[in-house]
């Protein structure tokens, strides 16, 4: 039961990291900077984080890879590997 709970937490982390990666790559950094200077509050916060550039991208990719691998490993311990692969591929 603990394996299943940890695997679901890792899958949740995986989806959050994917959503963050898409959100930070949605607008170019120059556009975010322009909107942040204009006083838009969400863009100010996004620009602060997006300014890290490649470091942010590398961190999010490592979180995505490690959480996918961890959840796959924990789920395969209790079920068939082809079923887990199919669930994670969706």
C-alpha atoms as a PDB file:
ATOM      1  CA  UNK A   1       0.000   0.000   0.000  1.00  0.00           C
ATOM      2  CA  UNK A   2       2.886   2.356   0.778  1.00  0.00           C
ATOM      3  CA  UNK A   3       4.414   1.636  -2.645  1.00  0.00           C
ATOM      4  CA  UNK A   4       1.202   2.630  -4.362  1.00  0.00           C
ATOM      5  CA  UNK A   5       0.909   5.860  -2.362  1.00  0.00           C
ATOM      6  CA  UNK A   6       4.507   6.863  -3.094  1.00  0.00           C
ATOM      7  CA  UNK A   7       4.073   6.015  -6.764  1.00  0.00           C
ATOM      8  CA  UNK A   8       0.964   8.198  -6.974  1.00  0.00           C
ATOM      9  CA  UNK A   9       2.796  11.061  -5.262  1.00  0.00           C
ATOM     10  CA  UNK A  10       5.609  10.727  -7.802  1.00  0.00           C
ATOM     11  CA  UNK A  11       3.110  10.727 -10.669  1.00  0.00           C
ATOM     12  CA  UNK A  12       1.562  13.892  -9.243  1.00  0.00           C
ATOM     13  CA  UNK A  13       5.009  15.517  -9.031  1.00  0.00           C
ATOM     14  CA  UNK A  14       5.619  14.415 -12.615  1.00  0.00           C
ATOM     15  CA  UNK A  15       2.454  16.119 -13.870  1.00  0.00           C
ATOM     16  CA  UNK A  16       3.178  19.308 -11.922  1.00  0.00           C
ATOM     17  CA  UNK A  17       6.719  19.478 -13.308  1.00  0.00           C
ATOM     18  CA  UNK A  18       5.434  18.978 -16.859  1.00  0.00           C
ATOM     19  CA  UNK A  19       2.846  21.732 -16.372  1.00  0.00           C
ATOM     20  CA  UNK A  20       5.486  24.095 -14.972  1.00  0.00           C
ATOM     21  CA  UNK A  21       7.818  23.345 -17.861  1.00  0.00           C
ATOM     22  CA  UNK A  22       5.075  24.161 -20.360  1.00  0.00           C
ATOM     23  CA  UNK A  23       4.087  27.316 -18.481  1.00  0.00           C
ATOM     24  CA  UNK A  24       7.615  28.697 -18.378  1.00  0.00           C
ATOM     25  CA  UNK A  25       8.181  27.993 -22.072  1.00  0.00           C
ATOM     26  CA  UNK A  26       4.879  29.504 -23.197  1.00  0.00           C
ATOM     27  CA  UNK A  27       6.092  33.091 -23.671  1.00  0.00           C
ATOM     28  CA  UNK A  28       9.537  34.239 -24.791  1.00  0.00           C
ATOM     29  CA  UNK A  29      11.681  35.802 -22.064  1.00  0.00           C
ATOM     30  CA  UNK A  30      11.683  39.199 -23.831  1.00  0.00           C
ATOM     31  CA  UNK A  31       7.879  39.298 -23.836  1.00  0.00           C
ATOM     32  CA  UNK A  32       7.774  38.380 -20.147  1.00  0.00           C
ATOM     33  CA  UNK A  33      10.285  41.116 -19.389  1.00  0.00           C
ATOM     34  CA  UNK A  34       8.215  43.695 -21.284  1.00  0.00           C
ATOM     35  CA  UNK A  35       5.023  42.703 -19.493  1.00  0.00           C
ATOM     36  CA  UNK A  36       6.795  42.623 -16.125  1.00  0.00           C
ATOM     37  CA  UNK A  37       8.041  46.181 -16.638  1.00  0.00           C
ATOM     38  CA  UNK A  38       4.498  47.227 -17.554  1.00  0.00           C
ATOM     39  CA  UNK A  39       3.400  46.159 -14.082  1.00  0.00           C
ATOM     40  CA  UNK A  40       1.540  42.902 -14.698  1.00  0.00           C
ATOM     41  CA  UNK A  41       1.836  40.933 -11.456  1.00  0.00           C
ATOM     42  CA  UNK A  42       1.748  37.320 -12.807  1.00  0.00           C
ATOM     43  CA  UNK A  43       4.346  38.189 -15.436  1.00  0.00           C
ATOM     44  CA  UNK A  44       6.640  39.672 -12.793  1.00  0.00           C
ATOM     45  CA  UNK A  45       6.658  36.388 -10.907  1.00  0.00           C
ATOM     46  CA  UNK A  46       7.053  34.330 -14.077  1.00  0.00           C
ATOM     47  CA  UNK A  47       9.910  36.528 -15.277  1.00  0.00           C
ATOM     48  CA  UNK A  48      11.815  36.137 -12.016  1.00  0.00           C
ATOM     49  CA  UNK A  49      11.742  32.378 -12.330  1.00  0.00           C
ATOM     50  CA  UNK A  50      12.157  32.253 -16.116  1.00  0.00           C
ATOM     51  CA  UNK A  51      15.285  34.371 -15.874  1.00  0.00           C
ATOM     52  CA  UNK A  52      17.138  31.267 -14.661  1.00  0.00           C
ATOM     53  CA  UNK A  53      16.830  29.898 -18.205  1.00  0.00           C
ATOM     54  CA  UNK A  54      18.796  26.721 -18.798  1.00  0.00           C
ATOM     55  CA  UNK A  55      19.175  25.998 -15.081  1.00  0.00           C
ATOM     56  CA  UNK A  56      15.407  26.004 -14.626  1.00  0.00           C
ATOM     57  CA  UNK A  57      14.930  23.845 -17.705  1.00  0.00           C
ATOM     58  CA  UNK A  58      17.553  21.358 -16.486  1.00  0.00           C
ATOM     59  CA  UNK A  59      16.032  21.204 -13.009  1.00  0.00           C
ATOM     60  CA  UNK A  60      12.524  20.590 -14.334  1.00  0.00           C
ATOM     61  CA  UNK A  61      13.753  17.946 -16.770  1.00  0.00           C
ATOM     62  CA  UNK A  62      15.627  16.127 -14.018  1.00  0.00           C
ATOM     63  CA  UNK A  63      12.533  16.207 -11.791  1.00  0.00           C
ATOM     64  CA  UNK A  64      10.435  14.865 -14.680  1.00  0.00           C
ATOM     65  CA  UNK A  65      12.867  12.048 -15.455  1.00  0.00           C
ATOM     66  CA  UNK A  66      13.446  11.023 -11.839  1.00  0.00           C
ATOM     67  CA  UNK A  67       9.780  11.087 -10.877  1.00  0.00           C
ATOM     68  CA  UNK A  68       8.794   9.094 -13.985  1.00  0.00           C
ATOM     69  CA  UNK A  69      11.499   6.519 -13.291  1.00  0.00           C
ATOM     70  CA  UNK A  70      10.617   6.306  -9.604  1.00  0.00           C
ATOM     71  CA  UNK A  71       6.908   5.909 -10.188  1.00  0.00           C
ATOM     72  CA  UNK A  72       7.525   3.305 -12.888  1.00  0.00           C
ATOM     73  CA  UNK A  73       9.803   1.351 -10.551  1.00  0.00           C
ATOM     74  CA  UNK A  74       7.381   1.477  -7.633  1.00  0.00           C
ATOM     75  CA  UNK A  75       4.386   0.540  -9.753  1.00  0.00           C
ATOM     76  CA  UNK A  76       6.118  -2.379 -11.474  1.00  0.00           C
ATOM     77  CA  UNK A  77       6.925  -3.896  -8.100  1.00  0.00           C
ATOM     78  CA  UNK A  78       3.225  -4.586  -7.592  1.00  0.00           C
ATOM     79  CA  UNK A  79       1.826  -5.021 -11.108  1.00  0.00           C
ATOM     80  CA  UNK A  80       2.704  -6.053 -14.649  1.00  0.00           C
ATOM     81  CA  UNK A  81       5.304  -3.849 -16.297  1.00  0.00           C
ATOM     82  CA  UNK A  82       3.397  -3.547 -19.588  1.00  0.00           C
ATOM     83  CA  UNK A  83       0.364  -2.188 -17.711  1.00  0.00           C
ATOM     84  CA  UNK A  84       2.439   0.399 -15.878  1.00  0.00           C
ATOM     85  CA  UNK A  85       4.161   1.455 -19.089  1.00  0.00           C
ATOM     86  CA  UNK A  86       0.780   1.887 -20.764  1.00  0.00           C
ATOM     87  CA  UNK A  87      -0.503   3.997 -17.858  1.00  0.00           C
ATOM     88  CA  UNK A  88       2.543   6.254 -17.843  1.00  0.00           C
ATOM     89  CA  UNK A  89       2.530   6.596 -21.623  1.00  0.00           C
ATOM     90  CA  UNK A  90      -0.941   8.133 -21.480  1.00  0.00           C
END
